[in-house]
């Protein structure tokens, strides 16, 4: 089994988290990298972002996608791997789904 994609995804998650924190500001919004999946060929890295509050998701993804090229360049300078996977940002609905379930449980307990 090839462990390189796992190591690269862990490294991208750590370094990209720092870059997002330093280069993009989202006042009143919590943006978390929940997972990074790197393809076996190391050509694509799918970065899952969780955004709270959920209604700020579109605004955050618009800013993140606009800064994607710059973030990829800064990431390449920091970790210097060849080939550098192309970063693609995706929404992680885990926190949103958990909030919905919790709301339903509270409603059920109130009956």
C-alpha atoms as a PDB file:
ATOM      1  CA  UNK A   1       0.000   0.000   0.000  1.00  0.00           C
ATOM      2  CA  UNK A   2       1.248   3.463  -0.919  1.00  0.00           C
ATOM      3  CA  UNK A   3       1.218   5.777   2.098  1.00  0.00           C
ATOM      4  CA  UNK A   4       2.389   8.872   0.242  1.00  0.00           C
ATOM      5  CA  UNK A   5      -1.139  10.229  -0.499  1.00  0.00           C
ATOM      6  CA  UNK A   6      -1.992   9.898   3.207  1.00  0.00           C
ATOM      7  CA  UNK A   7       1.163  11.730   4.266  1.00  0.00           C
ATOM      8  CA  UNK A   8       0.633  14.447   1.656  1.00  0.00           C
ATOM      9  CA  UNK A   9      -3.001  14.944   2.689  1.00  0.00           C
ATOM     10  CA  UNK A  10      -1.997  15.315   6.346  1.00  0.00           C
ATOM     11  CA  UNK A  11       0.718  17.813   5.423  1.00  0.00           C
ATOM     12  CA  UNK A  12      -1.631  19.814   3.184  1.00  0.00           C
ATOM     13  CA  UNK A  13      -4.257  19.907   5.942  1.00  0.00           C
ATOM     14  CA  UNK A  14      -1.788  21.325   8.471  1.00  0.00           C
ATOM     15  CA  UNK A  15      -0.118  23.878   6.202  1.00  0.00           C
ATOM     16  CA  UNK A  16      -3.273  25.001   4.388  1.00  0.00           C
ATOM     17  CA  UNK A  17      -4.976  25.535   7.745  1.00  0.00           C
ATOM     18  CA  UNK A  18      -2.241  27.983   8.705  1.00  0.00           C
ATOM     19  CA  UNK A  19      -2.428  29.719   5.316  1.00  0.00           C
ATOM     20  CA  UNK A  20      -6.202  30.158   5.576  1.00  0.00           C
ATOM     21  CA  UNK A  21      -5.796  31.603   9.050  1.00  0.00           C
ATOM     22  CA  UNK A  22      -3.078  34.067   7.992  1.00  0.00           C
ATOM     23  CA  UNK A  23      -4.313  35.118   4.538  1.00  0.00           C
ATOM     24  CA  UNK A  24      -8.110  35.165   4.727  1.00  0.00           C
ATOM     25  CA  UNK A  25     -10.299  36.855   7.307  1.00  0.00           C
ATOM     26  CA  UNK A  26     -13.826  35.773   8.114  1.00  0.00           C
ATOM     27  CA  UNK A  27     -15.011  37.833  11.103  1.00  0.00           C
ATOM     28  CA  UNK A  28     -17.626  36.008  13.140  1.00  0.00           C
ATOM     29  CA  UNK A  29     -17.247  32.840  11.075  1.00  0.00           C
ATOM     30  CA  UNK A  30     -15.527  29.586  12.021  1.00  0.00           C
ATOM     31  CA  UNK A  31     -13.873  27.882   9.045  1.00  0.00           C
ATOM     32  CA  UNK A  32     -12.388  24.442   9.663  1.00  0.00           C
ATOM     33  CA  UNK A  33     -10.590  22.034   7.348  1.00  0.00           C
ATOM     34  CA  UNK A  34     -12.276  18.754   8.234  1.00  0.00           C
ATOM     35  CA  UNK A  35     -10.575  16.493   5.724  1.00  0.00           C
ATOM     36  CA  UNK A  36      -8.156  16.441   2.805  1.00  0.00           C
ATOM     37  CA  UNK A  37      -8.310  13.614   0.272  1.00  0.00           C
ATOM     38  CA  UNK A  38      -5.400  13.346  -2.148  1.00  0.00           C
ATOM     39  CA  UNK A  39      -5.765  11.151  -5.224  1.00  0.00           C
ATOM     40  CA  UNK A  40      -3.403   8.212  -5.652  1.00  0.00           C
ATOM     41  CA  UNK A  41      -1.686  10.025  -8.549  1.00  0.00           C
ATOM     42  CA  UNK A  42      -1.186  13.082  -6.305  1.00  0.00           C
ATOM     43  CA  UNK A  43      -2.805  15.313  -8.914  1.00  0.00           C
ATOM     44  CA  UNK A  44      -5.915  16.438  -6.988  1.00  0.00           C
ATOM     45  CA  UNK A  45      -6.449  17.339  -3.331  1.00  0.00           C
ATOM     46  CA  UNK A  46     -10.089  17.679  -2.275  1.00  0.00           C
ATOM     47  CA  UNK A  47     -10.238  19.925   0.784  1.00  0.00           C
ATOM     48  CA  UNK A  48     -13.444  19.707   2.816  1.00  0.00           C
ATOM     49  CA  UNK A  49     -14.333  22.866   4.723  1.00  0.00           C
ATOM     50  CA  UNK A  50     -16.856  23.185   7.516  1.00  0.00           C
ATOM     51  CA  UNK A  51     -18.330  26.673   7.947  1.00  0.00           C
ATOM     52  CA  UNK A  52     -20.240  27.894  10.994  1.00  0.00           C
ATOM     53  CA  UNK A  53     -22.635  29.668  10.911  1.00  0.00           C
ATOM     54  CA  UNK A  54     -23.936  27.742   7.918  1.00  0.00           C
ATOM     55  CA  UNK A  55     -25.473  30.810   6.261  1.00  0.00           C
ATOM     56  CA  UNK A  56     -21.938  32.199   5.695  1.00  0.00           C
ATOM     57  CA  UNK A  57     -20.924  29.206   3.555  1.00  0.00           C
ATOM     58  CA  UNK A  58     -21.459  30.886   0.171  1.00  0.00           C
ATOM     59  CA  UNK A  59     -19.477  33.967   1.209  1.00  0.00           C
ATOM     60  CA  UNK A  60     -16.598  31.857   2.538  1.00  0.00           C
ATOM     61  CA  UNK A  61     -16.433  29.627  -0.542  1.00  0.00           C
ATOM     62  CA  UNK A  62     -16.513  32.633  -2.848  1.00  0.00           C
ATOM     63  CA  UNK A  63     -13.484  34.097  -1.036  1.00  0.00           C
ATOM     64  CA  UNK A  64     -11.642  30.774  -0.781  1.00  0.00           C
ATOM     65  CA  UNK A  65     -12.161  29.932  -4.450  1.00  0.00           C
ATOM     66  CA  UNK A  66     -11.028  33.437  -5.448  1.00  0.00           C
ATOM     67  CA  UNK A  67      -7.817  32.923  -3.446  1.00  0.00           C
ATOM     68  CA  UNK A  68      -7.303  29.317  -4.597  1.00  0.00           C
ATOM     69  CA  UNK A  69      -4.398  30.028  -6.975  1.00  0.00           C
ATOM     70  CA  UNK A  70      -2.590  32.170  -4.412  1.00  0.00           C
ATOM     71  CA  UNK A  71      -3.137  29.579  -1.673  1.00  0.00           C
ATOM     72  CA  UNK A  72      -1.829  26.840  -3.951  1.00  0.00           C
ATOM     73  CA  UNK A  73       1.283  28.896  -4.755  1.00  0.00           C
ATOM     74  CA  UNK A  74       1.957  29.648  -1.074  1.00  0.00           C
ATOM     75  CA  UNK A  75       1.388  26.001  -0.209  1.00  0.00           C
ATOM     76  CA  UNK A  76       3.894  24.916  -2.868  1.00  0.00           C
ATOM     77  CA  UNK A  77       6.484  27.295  -1.395  1.00  0.00           C
ATOM     78  CA  UNK A  78       5.883  25.894   2.105  1.00  0.00           C
ATOM     79  CA  UNK A  79       5.853  22.160   1.470  1.00  0.00           C
ATOM     80  CA  UNK A  80       7.689  21.901  -1.878  1.00  0.00           C
ATOM     81  CA  UNK A  81       6.368  18.578  -3.148  1.00  0.00           C
ATOM     82  CA  UNK A  82       6.398  17.385  -6.723  1.00  0.00           C
ATOM     83  CA  UNK A  83       3.855  17.033  -8.186  1.00  0.00           C
ATOM     84  CA  UNK A  84       1.789  19.553  -6.261  1.00  0.00           C
ATOM     85  CA  UNK A  85      -1.860  18.451  -6.227  1.00  0.00           C
ATOM     86  CA  UNK A  86      -4.455  20.891  -7.547  1.00  0.00           C
ATOM     87  CA  UNK A  87      -6.542  22.074  -4.603  1.00  0.00           C
ATOM     88  CA  UNK A  88     -10.317  21.826  -4.883  1.00  0.00           C
ATOM     89  CA  UNK A  89     -12.524  23.101  -2.065  1.00  0.00           C
ATOM     90  CA  UNK A  90     -15.731  21.295  -1.104  1.00  0.00           C
ATOM     91  CA  UNK A  91     -18.401  21.828   1.535  1.00  0.00           C
ATOM     92  CA  UNK A  92     -18.429  19.430   4.476  1.00  0.00           C
ATOM     93  CA  UNK A  93     -22.046  19.110   5.564  1.00  0.00           C
ATOM     94  CA  UNK A  94     -21.191  17.117   8.711  1.00  0.00           C
ATOM     95  CA  UNK A  95     -21.615  19.980  11.190  1.00  0.00           C
ATOM     96  CA  UNK A  96     -24.772  21.157   9.437  1.00  0.00           C
ATOM     97  CA  UNK A  97     -26.267  17.660   9.545  1.00  0.00           C
ATOM     98  CA  UNK A  98     -25.326  17.256  13.208  1.00  0.00           C
ATOM     99  CA  UNK A  99     -27.062  20.544  14.039  1.00  0.00           C
ATOM    100  CA  UNK A 100     -30.216  19.386  12.238  1.00  0.00           C
ATOM    101  CA  UNK A 101     -30.233  16.080  14.133  1.00  0.00           C
ATOM    102  CA  UNK A 102     -29.703  17.862  17.439  1.00  0.00           C
ATOM    103  CA  UNK A 103     -32.567  20.247  16.666  1.00  0.00           C
ATOM    104  CA  UNK A 104     -34.853  17.313  15.853  1.00  0.00           C
ATOM    105  CA  UNK A 105     -33.876  15.543  19.077  1.00  0.00           C
ATOM    106  CA  UNK A 106     -34.645  18.660  21.109  1.00  0.00           C
ATOM    107  CA  UNK A 107     -38.025  18.995  19.397  1.00  0.00           C
ATOM    108  CA  UNK A 108     -38.781  15.321  20.072  1.00  0.00           C
ATOM    109  CA  UNK A 109     -37.875  15.682  23.767  1.00  0.00           C
ATOM    110  CA  UNK A 110     -40.151  18.717  24.111  1.00  0.00           C
ATOM    111  CA  UNK A 111     -43.206  16.726  22.998  1.00  0.00           C
END
